[in-house]
């Protein structure tokens, strides 16, 4: 991919998030996808081992930074120095904290990325913005008064193959279809509701992959409900493709979910999807076509949808077929990457044009 048919495009990524998380995972996935398309890149992030390894493997320059708020001004100066040294065509700030550290007065345009309905105060030095759903883009345009500077940038669901896993690896019983949750262990994600549903569905096993502040609470809840023999808390996992390959159903019972890349990942992996009508799912999932939806905190609706997929194989096949089509149209890796590169180039051209 070239810029102005002369020199390679060069992007500087700044991400200040946690070691694990959906947005952090997608950022790294996108850096890998852009690398595969020949885009030159620089990464500024906290020095987590998995990021360092991924950058070293691809010979992408990496600059470590702590992003402590109490040490903001010196780090902004360091960001300015790195950007001046590397001379990227565009700086891509991922989410709130990274965008809030962006220095003023740098030469290249700055893109601020939104994985949710974030406060614009952290994006005062961003020239352009990007949201992962159509409604987030609408939110940005309304908040800034410049909808023409708000771009849509979907996450992608394409996953690389992983080493296979088995139900025995997680101590799950034979003969019970596996319901997979890929999620942070947090109240917003509706994990407590899913455990209540599990108690009403004795012929299903549940694999909970994720970490978070409420993990111990959910483990205690599962034990109190008598679910220890068919619910496994697997912690944070990087082998999402392997887990989806093992699963019979993928579930996303969130109370708050601006999108949820796991939706696209389930469609890619051809696993029938059950979700709640959180902001992201209700924009992209069509009930009874490419997924099953229930209202937020509707325990009976969640139980009904899981039970339907347990017994109705024709329904599962229909959801998989239509989910594959939605994935191919909107969330395939090459499609999303091509659109992002085009957005980068448009932003750069507009910035230079004034």
Protein backbone atom coordinates (compact mmCIF):
# COMPACT_ATOMS: atom_id res chain seq x y z
CA UNK A 1 0.00 0.00 0.00
CA UNK A 2 1.51 3.30 -1.03
CA UNK A 3 0.83 6.91 -0.33
CA UNK A 4 0.68 9.26 -3.33
CA UNK A 5 2.12 6.34 -5.37
CA UNK A 6 5.58 7.23 -4.03
CA UNK A 7 6.33 6.29 -0.45
CA UNK A 8 4.89 3.77 2.04
CA UNK A 9 2.27 4.96 4.48
CA UNK A 10 3.65 5.33 8.02
CA UNK A 11 1.42 5.24 11.10
CA UNK A 12 2.38 5.83 14.73
CA UNK A 13 0.11 3.96 17.16
CA UNK A 14 -0.25 5.16 20.74
CA UNK A 15 -2.08 2.84 23.15
CA UNK A 16 -2.11 3.25 26.91
CA UNK A 17 -4.58 0.56 27.91
CA UNK A 18 -4.41 -2.43 30.22
CA UNK A 19 -2.48 -5.61 29.51
CA UNK A 20 -5.67 -7.41 28.51
CA UNK A 21 -8.98 -6.25 27.12
CA UNK A 22 -11.04 -6.29 23.95
CA UNK A 23 -9.91 -2.93 22.59
CA UNK A 24 -6.28 -3.64 23.45
CA UNK A 25 -6.51 -6.98 21.68
CA UNK A 26 -8.03 -5.42 18.58
CA UNK A 27 -5.36 -2.71 18.45
CA UNK A 28 -2.65 -5.35 18.31
CA UNK A 29 -4.62 -7.41 15.77
CA UNK A 30 -4.95 -4.33 13.56
CA UNK A 31 -1.25 -3.51 13.79
CA UNK A 32 -0.54 -7.05 12.58
CA UNK A 33 -3.05 -6.69 9.74
CA UNK A 34 -1.57 -3.37 8.63
CA UNK A 35 1.91 -4.89 8.72
CA UNK A 36 0.72 -7.66 6.42
CA UNK A 37 -0.46 -4.96 4.00
CA UNK A 38 2.95 -3.28 3.91
CA UNK A 39 2.13 -0.28 6.11
CA UNK A 40 5.13 1.09 8.02
CA UNK A 41 4.35 1.47 11.72
CA UNK A 42 5.68 2.63 15.06
CA UNK A 43 4.21 1.55 18.41
CA UNK A 44 4.22 3.55 21.66
CA UNK A 45 2.72 1.57 24.53
CA UNK A 46 3.27 0.12 27.96
CA UNK A 47 5.98 -2.56 27.75
CA UNK A 48 3.81 -5.66 28.01
CA UNK A 49 5.58 -8.82 26.92
CA UNK A 50 3.04 -9.87 24.29
CA UNK A 51 3.26 -6.46 22.61
CA UNK A 52 7.06 -6.44 22.71
CA UNK A 53 7.13 -9.93 21.19
CA UNK A 54 4.68 -9.02 18.41
CA UNK A 55 6.63 -5.87 17.52
CA UNK A 56 10.00 -7.63 17.57
CA UNK A 57 8.68 -10.42 15.34
CA UNK A 58 7.66 -7.84 12.72
CA UNK A 59 10.57 -5.42 13.20
CA UNK A 60 8.17 -2.65 14.20
CA UNK A 61 9.91 0.02 16.30
CA UNK A 62 8.53 0.14 19.85
CA UNK A 63 8.87 2.88 22.44
CA UNK A 64 7.83 2.02 26.01
CA UNK A 65 5.86 4.53 28.05
CA UNK A 66 4.01 4.25 31.36
CA UNK A 67 1.27 6.83 30.72
CA UNK A 68 1.01 7.80 34.39
CA UNK A 69 -1.36 10.75 34.74
CA UNK A 70 0.73 12.30 37.52
CA UNK A 71 3.73 12.42 35.11
CA UNK A 72 1.84 13.66 32.10
CA UNK A 73 3.77 16.72 30.92
CA UNK A 74 7.20 15.00 30.63
CA UNK A 75 5.59 12.08 28.79
CA UNK A 76 3.85 14.44 26.39
CA UNK A 77 7.24 15.95 25.65
CA UNK A 78 8.63 12.47 25.02
CA UNK A 79 5.73 11.70 22.70
CA UNK A 80 6.50 14.88 20.76
CA UNK A 81 10.15 13.88 20.45
CA UNK A 82 9.32 10.37 19.23
CA UNK A 83 6.82 11.67 16.70
CA UNK A 84 9.29 14.24 15.43
CA UNK A 85 12.01 11.57 15.14
CA UNK A 86 9.83 8.97 13.40
CA UNK A 87 7.94 11.48 11.21
CA UNK A 88 4.77 9.40 10.69
CA UNK A 89 2.05 10.44 8.26
CA UNK A 90 -0.59 10.06 10.99
CA UNK A 91 -0.72 9.37 14.73
CA UNK A 92 -3.42 6.94 15.82
CA UNK A 93 -4.41 7.35 19.49
CA UNK A 94 -6.32 4.34 20.77
CA UNK A 95 -9.02 5.19 23.34
CA UNK A 96 -9.21 7.73 26.14
CA UNK A 97 -5.91 7.62 27.94
CA UNK A 98 -3.69 7.54 24.88
CA UNK A 99 -5.64 10.36 23.27
CA UNK A 100 -5.48 12.45 26.44
CA UNK A 101 -1.67 12.28 26.32
CA UNK A 102 -1.45 13.63 22.78
CA UNK A 103 0.71 16.76 22.71
CA UNK A 104 -0.37 19.90 20.93
CA UNK A 105 1.42 21.36 17.95
CA UNK A 106 2.71 18.17 16.33
CA UNK A 107 2.96 18.10 12.54
CA UNK A 108 1.03 14.95 11.52
CA UNK A 109 -2.75 14.66 11.98
CA UNK A 110 -4.00 12.84 15.08
CA UNK A 111 -6.79 10.26 14.96
CA UNK A 112 -8.67 9.54 18.19
CA UNK A 113 -10.27 6.07 18.30
CA UNK A 114 -13.52 5.37 20.14
CA UNK A 115 -14.48 1.87 21.26
CA UNK A 116 -17.41 3.33 23.22
CA UNK A 117 -19.33 6.49 23.99
CA UNK A 118 -16.33 8.33 25.39
CA UNK A 119 -16.09 11.87 26.75
CA UNK A 120 -14.65 14.22 24.14
CA UNK A 121 -12.55 16.06 26.73
CA UNK A 122 -9.75 13.51 26.25
CA UNK A 123 -9.62 14.16 22.50
CA UNK A 124 -8.97 17.89 22.37
CA UNK A 125 -5.78 17.41 20.30
CA UNK A 126 -7.36 14.96 17.84
CA UNK A 127 -7.95 16.24 14.32
CA UNK A 128 -10.16 13.30 13.36
CA UNK A 129 -12.15 10.65 15.21
CA UNK A 130 -13.17 7.07 14.51
CA UNK A 131 -15.91 4.97 16.11
CA UNK A 132 -16.39 1.21 15.92
CA UNK A 133 -20.15 1.41 15.31
CA UNK A 134 -22.44 3.66 13.31
CA UNK A 135 -24.07 4.98 16.48
CA UNK A 136 -20.73 5.84 18.09
CA UNK A 137 -19.86 7.78 14.92
CA UNK A 138 -23.19 9.61 15.28
CA UNK A 139 -22.34 10.35 18.94
CA UNK A 140 -18.94 11.77 17.96
CA UNK A 141 -20.39 13.94 15.21
CA UNK A 142 -23.06 15.34 17.51
CA UNK A 143 -20.59 16.01 20.33
CA UNK A 144 -17.97 17.70 18.15
CA UNK A 145 -20.23 19.48 15.70
CA UNK A 146 -18.05 18.07 12.89
CA UNK A 147 -19.69 14.85 11.65
CA UNK A 148 -17.52 15.04 8.51
CA UNK A 149 -14.47 14.35 10.70
CA UNK A 150 -15.97 11.25 12.32
CA UNK A 151 -15.16 7.99 10.51
CA UNK A 152 -16.55 4.48 10.87
CA UNK A 153 -13.96 1.79 11.58
CA UNK A 154 -15.31 -1.66 12.39
CA UNK A 155 -13.29 -4.19 14.30
CA UNK A 156 -12.74 -7.48 12.48
CA UNK A 157 -13.61 -10.98 13.55
CA UNK A 158 -10.96 -12.87 11.59
CA UNK A 159 -8.84 -15.09 13.84
CA UNK A 160 -5.66 -17.02 13.16
CA UNK A 161 -5.75 -20.75 13.85
CA UNK A 162 -4.73 -21.88 17.34
CA UNK A 163 -3.57 -25.16 18.81
CA UNK A 164 -6.75 -27.21 19.43
CA UNK A 165 -8.14 -27.59 22.93
CA UNK A 166 -10.56 -30.15 24.35
CA UNK A 167 -13.31 -30.07 26.93
CA UNK A 168 -11.08 -32.23 29.12
CA UNK A 169 -8.58 -29.35 29.26
CA UNK A 170 -11.22 -27.40 31.18
CA UNK A 171 -12.76 -30.23 33.17
CA UNK A 172 -16.07 -29.95 31.35
CA UNK A 173 -18.31 -33.04 31.21
CA UNK A 174 -18.82 -35.13 28.10
CA UNK A 175 -22.14 -35.08 26.32
CA UNK A 176 -23.12 -31.50 27.14
CA UNK A 177 -22.96 -28.76 24.48
CA UNK A 178 -20.52 -26.00 25.45
CA UNK A 179 -21.63 -22.38 25.80
CA UNK A 180 -18.65 -20.04 25.48
CA UNK A 181 -18.34 -16.60 27.06
CA UNK A 182 -15.39 -14.44 25.94
CA UNK A 183 -15.59 -11.45 28.25
CA UNK A 184 -14.15 -9.42 31.08
CA UNK A 185 -15.44 -10.56 34.44
CA UNK A 186 -17.36 -7.39 35.24
CA UNK A 187 -20.93 -6.53 36.18
CA UNK A 188 -21.40 -4.70 32.87
CA UNK A 189 -20.90 -7.97 31.02
CA UNK A 190 -23.88 -9.76 32.59
CA UNK A 191 -21.87 -12.74 33.83
CA UNK A 192 -24.07 -13.06 36.92
CA UNK A 193 -27.14 -13.32 34.68
CA UNK A 194 -25.48 -16.03 32.59
CA UNK A 195 -24.75 -18.07 35.73
CA UNK A 196 -28.40 -17.76 36.75
CA UNK A 197 -29.32 -19.03 33.29
CA UNK A 198 -26.84 -21.90 33.61
CA UNK A 199 -28.62 -23.07 36.75
CA UNK A 200 -31.80 -23.44 34.68
CA UNK A 201 -30.07 -25.32 31.84
CA UNK A 202 -28.64 -28.52 33.36
CA UNK A 203 -27.80 -30.11 30.00
CA UNK A 204 -25.34 -27.36 28.98
CA UNK A 205 -21.73 -26.77 30.03
CA UNK A 206 -20.28 -23.26 30.29
CA UNK A 207 -16.76 -22.08 29.54
CA UNK A 208 -16.05 -18.58 30.90
CA UNK A 209 -12.89 -17.14 29.36
CA UNK A 210 -11.81 -13.80 30.76
CA UNK A 211 -10.43 -11.95 33.74
CA UNK A 212 -11.59 -8.93 35.66
CA UNK A 213 -12.46 -7.40 39.02
CA UNK A 214 -15.53 -9.57 39.69
CA UNK A 215 -14.01 -12.96 38.87
CA UNK A 216 -13.96 -14.20 42.48
CA UNK A 217 -17.54 -13.04 42.97
CA UNK A 218 -18.67 -15.09 39.99
CA UNK A 219 -16.75 -18.16 41.12
CA UNK A 220 -18.54 -17.98 44.47
CA UNK A 221 -21.88 -17.49 42.72
CA UNK A 222 -21.28 -20.56 40.54
CA UNK A 223 -20.45 -22.66 43.59
CA UNK A 224 -23.52 -21.41 45.45
CA UNK A 225 -25.67 -22.40 42.46
CA UNK A 226 -24.11 -25.88 42.36
CA UNK A 227 -22.47 -25.34 38.98
CA UNK A 228 -18.86 -26.31 39.69
CA UNK A 229 -19.11 -29.56 37.72
CA UNK A 230 -20.14 -27.87 34.45
CA UNK A 231 -18.84 -24.30 34.64
CA UNK A 232 -15.15 -23.51 34.11
CA UNK A 233 -13.54 -20.11 34.66
CA UNK A 234 -10.56 -20.27 32.32
CA UNK A 235 -9.06 -16.82 32.93
CA UNK A 236 -7.85 -14.54 30.16
CA UNK A 237 -7.08 -16.51 27.00
CA UNK A 238 -5.36 -15.54 23.78
CA UNK A 239 -6.47 -18.68 21.88
CA UNK A 240 -9.91 -17.37 20.96
CA UNK A 241 -10.05 -19.37 17.73
CA UNK A 242 -9.45 -22.62 19.59
CA UNK A 243 -12.11 -21.82 22.18
CA UNK A 244 -14.65 -20.95 19.49
CA UNK A 245 -13.80 -24.15 17.64
CA UNK A 246 -14.62 -26.08 20.82
CA UNK A 247 -17.86 -24.20 21.50
CA UNK A 248 -21.37 -25.08 20.37
CA UNK A 249 -22.84 -21.67 21.27
CA UNK A 250 -21.24 -18.26 21.83
CA UNK A 251 -22.98 -15.95 24.31
CA UNK A 252 -22.69 -12.23 25.05
CA UNK A 253 -25.12 -11.34 27.88
CA UNK A 254 -23.85 -7.78 28.38
CA UNK A 255 -25.67 -4.94 30.10
CA UNK A 256 -23.33 -2.45 28.41
CA UNK A 257 -21.48 -3.28 25.18
CA UNK A 258 -20.75 -0.57 22.58
CA UNK A 259 -20.00 -3.35 20.13
CA UNK A 260 -18.26 -6.52 21.26
CA UNK A 261 -15.80 -7.92 18.72
CA UNK A 262 -16.76 -11.40 19.90
CA UNK A 263 -19.93 -10.96 17.82
CA UNK A 264 -17.87 -10.79 14.64
CA UNK A 265 -15.54 -13.54 15.89
CA UNK A 266 -18.47 -15.90 16.44
CA UNK A 267 -19.72 -15.21 12.92
CA UNK A 268 -16.23 -15.86 11.54
CA UNK A 269 -15.90 -19.10 13.50
CA UNK A 270 -19.37 -20.30 12.45
CA UNK A 271 -20.64 -20.58 16.02
CA UNK A 272 -24.29 -19.61 16.64
CA UNK A 273 -24.58 -16.40 18.64
CA UNK A 274 -26.80 -15.47 21.59
CA UNK A 275 -26.63 -11.88 22.84
CA UNK A 276 -28.55 -9.17 24.65
CA UNK A 277 -29.85 -5.99 23.05
CA UNK A 278 -26.92 -3.89 24.23
CA UNK A 279 -25.94 -0.97 22.00
CA UNK A 280 -23.61 -2.88 19.69
CA UNK A 281 -25.57 -6.08 19.23
CA UNK A 282 -28.86 -4.36 18.50
CA UNK A 283 -27.19 -2.36 15.70
CA UNK A 284 -25.68 -5.34 13.91
CA UNK A 285 -27.40 -8.57 15.00
CA UNK A 286 -30.78 -9.37 13.44
CA UNK A 287 -32.82 -11.57 15.75
CA UNK A 288 -33.59 -15.02 14.36
CA UNK A 289 -31.46 -14.30 11.29
CA UNK A 290 -27.77 -14.15 12.30
CA UNK A 291 -28.19 -14.37 16.08
CA UNK A 292 -30.68 -14.63 18.91
CA UNK A 293 -31.33 -11.53 21.02
CA UNK A 294 -32.98 -11.01 24.39
CA UNK A 295 -33.52 -7.84 26.37
CA UNK A 296 -30.88 -6.73 28.87
CA UNK A 297 -31.35 -8.50 32.24
CA UNK A 298 -34.10 -10.70 30.78
CA UNK A 299 -33.21 -14.02 32.41
CA UNK A 300 -36.12 -15.94 30.92
CA UNK A 301 -35.32 -14.64 27.42
CA UNK A 302 -31.66 -15.64 27.73
CA UNK A 303 -32.60 -19.10 28.97
CA UNK A 304 -35.10 -19.53 26.13
CA UNK A 305 -32.58 -18.58 23.45
CA UNK A 306 -29.89 -20.91 24.80
CA UNK A 307 -32.43 -23.73 25.10
CA UNK A 308 -33.60 -23.19 21.50
CA UNK A 309 -30.09 -23.61 20.15
CA UNK A 310 -29.54 -26.67 22.30
CA UNK A 311 -32.32 -28.54 20.50
CA UNK A 312 -33.00 -26.79 17.16
CA UNK A 313 -30.22 -27.76 14.75
CA UNK A 314 -31.93 -26.12 11.77
CA UNK A 315 -31.98 -22.83 13.66
CA UNK A 316 -28.28 -23.15 14.44
CA UNK A 317 -27.48 -23.77 10.77
CA UNK A 318 -29.51 -20.74 9.69
CA UNK A 319 -27.82 -18.44 12.19
CA UNK A 320 -24.40 -19.69 11.09
CA UNK A 321 -25.16 -19.22 7.38
CA UNK A 322 -26.46 -15.68 7.81
CA UNK A 323 -23.81 -14.76 10.36
CA UNK A 324 -21.12 -15.79 7.89
CA UNK A 325 -22.66 -13.45 5.32
CA UNK A 326 -22.74 -10.52 7.78
CA UNK A 327 -19.12 -11.20 8.72
CA UNK A 328 -18.01 -11.28 5.09
CA UNK A 329 -19.82 -8.03 4.28
CA UNK A 330 -18.72 -5.97 7.29
CA UNK A 331 -16.14 -7.61 9.55
CA UNK A 332 -13.69 -9.60 7.44
CA UNK A 333 -10.04 -8.78 8.12
CA UNK A 334 -9.12 -7.64 4.62
CA UNK A 335 -12.28 -5.56 4.24
CA UNK A 336 -11.79 -3.76 7.56
CA UNK A 337 -8.08 -3.19 6.93
CA UNK A 338 -8.68 -1.81 3.44
CA UNK A 339 -11.28 0.61 4.78
CA UNK A 340 -8.97 1.75 7.58
CA UNK A 341 -6.11 2.43 5.17
CA UNK A 342 -8.47 4.41 2.95
CA UNK A 343 -9.61 6.41 5.98
CA UNK A 344 -6.01 7.10 7.00
CA UNK A 345 -5.22 8.36 3.50
CA UNK A 346 -8.31 10.56 3.41
CA UNK A 347 -7.43 12.11 6.78
CA UNK A 348 -3.85 12.76 5.70
CA UNK A 349 -4.96 14.40 2.45
CA UNK A 350 -7.51 16.57 4.20
CA UNK A 351 -5.02 17.62 6.86
CA UNK A 352 -2.46 18.68 4.27
CA UNK A 353 -5.14 20.54 2.32
CA UNK A 354 -6.00 22.54 5.42
